[in-house]
Amino acid sequence: MATYEFPPMLIDAQNEPDQVRADLRTLFERVPWSVEPMDAWETHENAWRPASRPASPGWDPEDAAEIARLRARELELAEVLVCRPYWTEFAPGDVLAARDALKHHHEQKPADASV
């Protein structure tokens, strides 16, 4: 398996989305089911798949702002990971393997490690 010397900025950008997604997941578990205030609802008694939701007061403005910030950060990180000029150093057929190696960089043995 090939080893790569990834720029620290790419490694940081690869590591951060996990934390961003965990923060989003925590927020989504805490906020009401609806962004805007909504009345309670339920499907009719003969519905193929019965479902219901309680009334929702909507999201708190601070929670909505934090969710928007985290979603924007997730997109920024995706752009960094995909669009950096670093990837132009590779032959087109090798980019996929290099990007996959970045995803698993924490499993890669250091280049100077003794066997």
C-alpha atoms as a PDB file:
ATOM      1  CA  MET A   1       0.000   0.000   0.000  1.00  0.00           C
ATOM      2  CA  ALA A   2       1.337   3.426  -0.927  1.00  0.00           C
ATOM      3  CA  THR A   3       2.042   5.977   1.772  1.00  0.00           C
ATOM      4  CA  TYR A   4       1.500   9.686   1.302  1.00  0.00           C
ATOM      5  CA  GLU A   5       2.821  12.855   2.881  1.00  0.00           C
ATOM      6  CA  PHE A   6      -0.389  14.838   3.266  1.00  0.00           C
ATOM      7  CA  PRO A   7      -0.220  18.532   4.096  1.00  0.00           C
ATOM      8  CA  PRO A   8      -1.257  19.142   7.725  1.00  0.00           C
ATOM      9  CA  MET A   9      -4.102  21.366   6.507  1.00  0.00           C
ATOM     10  CA  LEU A  10      -5.637  18.419   4.609  1.00  0.00           C
ATOM     11  CA  ILE A  11      -5.270  16.102   7.590  1.00  0.00           C
ATOM     12  CA  ASP A  12      -6.970  18.671   9.826  1.00  0.00           C
ATOM     13  CA  ALA A  13      -9.745  19.113   7.255  1.00  0.00           C
ATOM     14  CA  GLN A  14     -10.214  15.335   7.137  1.00  0.00           C
ATOM     15  CA  ASN A  15     -10.437  15.027  10.924  1.00  0.00           C
ATOM     16  CA  GLU A  16     -12.790  17.932  11.606  1.00  0.00           C
ATOM     17  CA  PRO A  17     -15.964  16.734   9.810  1.00  0.00           C
ATOM     18  CA  ASP A  18     -16.426  13.934  12.334  1.00  0.00           C
ATOM     19  CA  GLN A  19     -16.612  16.484  15.151  1.00  0.00           C
ATOM     20  CA  VAL A  20     -18.855  18.803  13.130  1.00  0.00           C
ATOM     21  CA  ARG A  21     -21.264  15.940  12.411  1.00  0.00           C
ATOM     22  CA  ALA A  22     -21.239  14.862  16.063  1.00  0.00           C
ATOM     23  CA  ASP A  23     -22.075  18.436  17.107  1.00  0.00           C
ATOM     24  CA  LEU A  24     -24.897  18.544  14.548  1.00  0.00           C
ATOM     25  CA  ARG A  25     -26.247  15.200  15.738  1.00  0.00           C
ATOM     26  CA  THR A  26     -26.278  16.471  19.341  1.00  0.00           C
ATOM     27  CA  LEU A  27     -28.143  19.617  18.304  1.00  0.00           C
ATOM     28  CA  PHE A  28     -30.657  17.705  16.182  1.00  0.00           C
ATOM     29  CA  GLU A  29     -31.424  15.434  19.127  1.00  0.00           C
ATOM     30  CA  ARG A  30     -32.117  18.469  21.307  1.00  0.00           C
ATOM     31  CA  VAL A  31     -34.137  20.748  19.018  1.00  0.00           C
ATOM     32  CA  PRO A  32     -37.830  20.210  18.205  1.00  0.00           C
ATOM     33  CA  TRP A  33     -38.667  18.183  15.103  1.00  0.00           C
ATOM     34  CA  SER A  34     -39.782  21.238  13.107  1.00  0.00           C
ATOM     35  CA  VAL A  35     -37.751  24.336  12.310  1.00  0.00           C
ATOM     36  CA  GLU A  36     -40.900  26.475  12.278  1.00  0.00           C
ATOM     37  CA  PRO A  37     -43.747  26.212  14.793  1.00  0.00           C
ATOM     38  CA  MET A  38     -46.107  23.422  13.697  1.00  0.00           C
ATOM     39  CA  ASP A  39     -49.275  21.883  15.043  1.00  0.00           C
ATOM     40  CA  ALA A  40     -49.348  18.266  16.134  1.00  0.00           C
ATOM     41  CA  TRP A  41     -50.414  15.780  13.456  1.00  0.00           C
ATOM     42  CA  GLU A  42     -51.077  12.117  12.885  1.00  0.00           C
ATOM     43  CA  THR A  43     -51.987   9.947   9.932  1.00  0.00           C
ATOM     44  CA  HIS A  44     -55.548   8.662   9.544  1.00  0.00           C
ATOM     45  CA  GLU A  45     -56.525   5.354  11.120  1.00  0.00           C
ATOM     46  CA  ASN A  46     -56.261   3.366   7.855  1.00  0.00           C
ATOM     47  CA  ALA A  47     -52.836   4.662   6.908  1.00  0.00           C
ATOM     48  CA  TRP A  48     -50.414   2.128   5.514  1.00  0.00           C
ATOM     49  CA  ARG A  49     -47.806   3.330   7.987  1.00  0.00           C
ATOM     50  CA  PRO A  50     -49.239   5.207  10.947  1.00  0.00           C
ATOM     51  CA  ALA A  51     -47.187   8.182  12.099  1.00  0.00           C
ATOM     52  CA  SER A  52     -47.597  11.201  14.328  1.00  0.00           C
ATOM     53  CA  ARG A  53     -45.712  14.196  15.665  1.00  0.00           C
ATOM     54  CA  PRO A  54     -46.353  16.350  18.708  1.00  0.00           C
ATOM     55  CA  ALA A  55     -46.759  20.110  18.371  1.00  0.00           C
ATOM     56  CA  SER A  56     -43.446  21.851  17.757  1.00  0.00           C
ATOM     57  CA  PRO A  57     -42.593  25.326  19.020  1.00  0.00           C
ATOM     58  CA  GLY A  58     -39.920  25.612  16.309  1.00  0.00           C
ATOM     59  CA  TRP A  59     -36.201  26.050  16.721  1.00  0.00           C
ATOM     60  CA  ASP A  60     -34.689  28.616  19.012  1.00  0.00           C
ATOM     61  CA  PRO A  61     -32.895  31.310  16.937  1.00  0.00           C
ATOM     62  CA  GLU A  62     -29.558  30.507  18.605  1.00  0.00           C
ATOM     63  CA  ASP A  63     -29.919  26.804  17.783  1.00  0.00           C
ATOM     64  CA  ALA A  64     -30.891  27.623  14.202  1.00  0.00           C
ATOM     65  CA  ALA A  65     -27.835  29.873  13.865  1.00  0.00           C
ATOM     66  CA  GLU A  66     -25.532  27.201  15.301  1.00  0.00           C
ATOM     67  CA  ILE A  67     -26.946  24.539  12.977  1.00  0.00           C
ATOM     68  CA  ALA A  68     -26.479  26.870  10.003  1.00  0.00           C
ATOM     69  CA  ARG A  69     -22.888  27.575  11.100  1.00  0.00           C
ATOM     70  CA  LEU A  70     -22.085  23.874  11.450  1.00  0.00           C
ATOM     71  CA  ARG A  71     -23.641  23.013   8.087  1.00  0.00           C
ATOM     72  CA  ALA A  72     -21.640  25.805   6.443  1.00  0.00           C
ATOM     73  CA  ARG A  73     -18.463  24.524   8.098  1.00  0.00           C
ATOM     74  CA  GLU A  74     -19.187  21.014   6.833  1.00  0.00           C
ATOM     75  CA  LEU A  75     -19.441  22.384   3.279  1.00  0.00           C
ATOM     76  CA  GLU A  76     -16.230  24.402   3.679  1.00  0.00           C
ATOM     77  CA  LEU A  77     -14.380  21.293   4.792  1.00  0.00           C
ATOM     78  CA  ALA A  78     -15.753  19.287   1.865  1.00  0.00           C
ATOM     79  CA  GLU A  79     -14.493  21.983  -0.486  1.00  0.00           C
ATOM     80  CA  VAL A  80     -11.046  21.915   1.123  1.00  0.00           C
ATOM     81  CA  LEU A  81     -10.885  18.133   0.849  1.00  0.00           C
ATOM     82  CA  VAL A  82     -11.987  17.960  -2.777  1.00  0.00           C
ATOM     83  CA  CYS A  83     -10.767  21.137  -4.450  1.00  0.00           C
ATOM     84  CA  ARG A  84      -7.234  21.693  -3.130  1.00  0.00           C
ATOM     85  CA  PRO A  85      -4.477  22.068  -5.737  1.00  0.00           C
ATOM     86  CA  TYR A  86      -2.631  19.283  -3.872  1.00  0.00           C
ATOM     87  CA  TRP A  87      -4.633  16.705  -5.823  1.00  0.00           C
ATOM     88  CA  THR A  88      -3.249  17.989  -9.152  1.00  0.00           C
ATOM     89  CA  GLU A  89       0.125  16.482  -8.167  1.00  0.00           C
ATOM     90  CA  PHE A  90      -1.325  13.036  -8.833  1.00  0.00           C
ATOM     91  CA  ALA A  91      -2.036  11.304 -12.114  1.00  0.00           C
ATOM     92  CA  PRO A  92      -5.805  11.231 -12.677  1.00  0.00           C
ATOM     93  CA  GLY A  93      -5.923   7.493 -12.049  1.00  0.00           C
ATOM     94  CA  ASP A  94      -4.140   7.876  -8.690  1.00  0.00           C
ATOM     95  CA  VAL A  95      -6.286  10.604  -7.145  1.00  0.00           C
ATOM     96  CA  LEU A  96      -8.940   8.210  -5.867  1.00  0.00           C
ATOM     97  CA  ALA A  97      -6.376   6.036  -4.060  1.00  0.00           C
ATOM     98  CA  ALA A  98      -4.733   9.107  -2.536  1.00  0.00           C
ATOM     99  CA  ARG A  99      -8.053  10.537  -1.338  1.00  0.00           C
ATOM    100  CA  ASP A 100      -8.973   7.178   0.130  1.00  0.00           C
ATOM    101  CA  ALA A 101      -5.595   7.076   1.905  1.00  0.00           C
ATOM    102  CA  LEU A 102      -6.348  10.499   3.375  1.00  0.00           C
ATOM    103  CA  LYS A 103      -9.606   9.160   4.807  1.00  0.00           C
ATOM    104  CA  HIS A 104      -7.592   6.430   6.519  1.00  0.00           C
ATOM    105  CA  HIS A 105      -4.469   8.502   7.282  1.00  0.00           C
ATOM    106  CA  HIS A 106      -4.657   7.639  10.985  1.00  0.00           C
ATOM    107  CA  GLU A 107      -4.098   3.964  10.069  1.00  0.00           C
ATOM    108  CA  GLN A 108      -1.028   4.761   7.938  1.00  0.00           C
ATOM    109  CA  LYS A 109       2.336   3.898   9.487  1.00  0.00           C
ATOM    110  CA  PRO A 110       4.837   6.768   9.560  1.00  0.00           C
ATOM    111  CA  ALA A 111       7.331   6.637   6.697  1.00  0.00           C
ATOM    112  CA  ASP A 112      10.291   6.393   9.121  1.00  0.00           C
ATOM    113  CA  ALA A 113       8.793   3.579  11.268  1.00  0.00           C
ATOM    114  CA  SER A 114      10.940   0.487  11.636  1.00  0.00           C
ATOM    115  CA  VAL A 115       9.427  -2.876  10.777  1.00  0.00           C
END
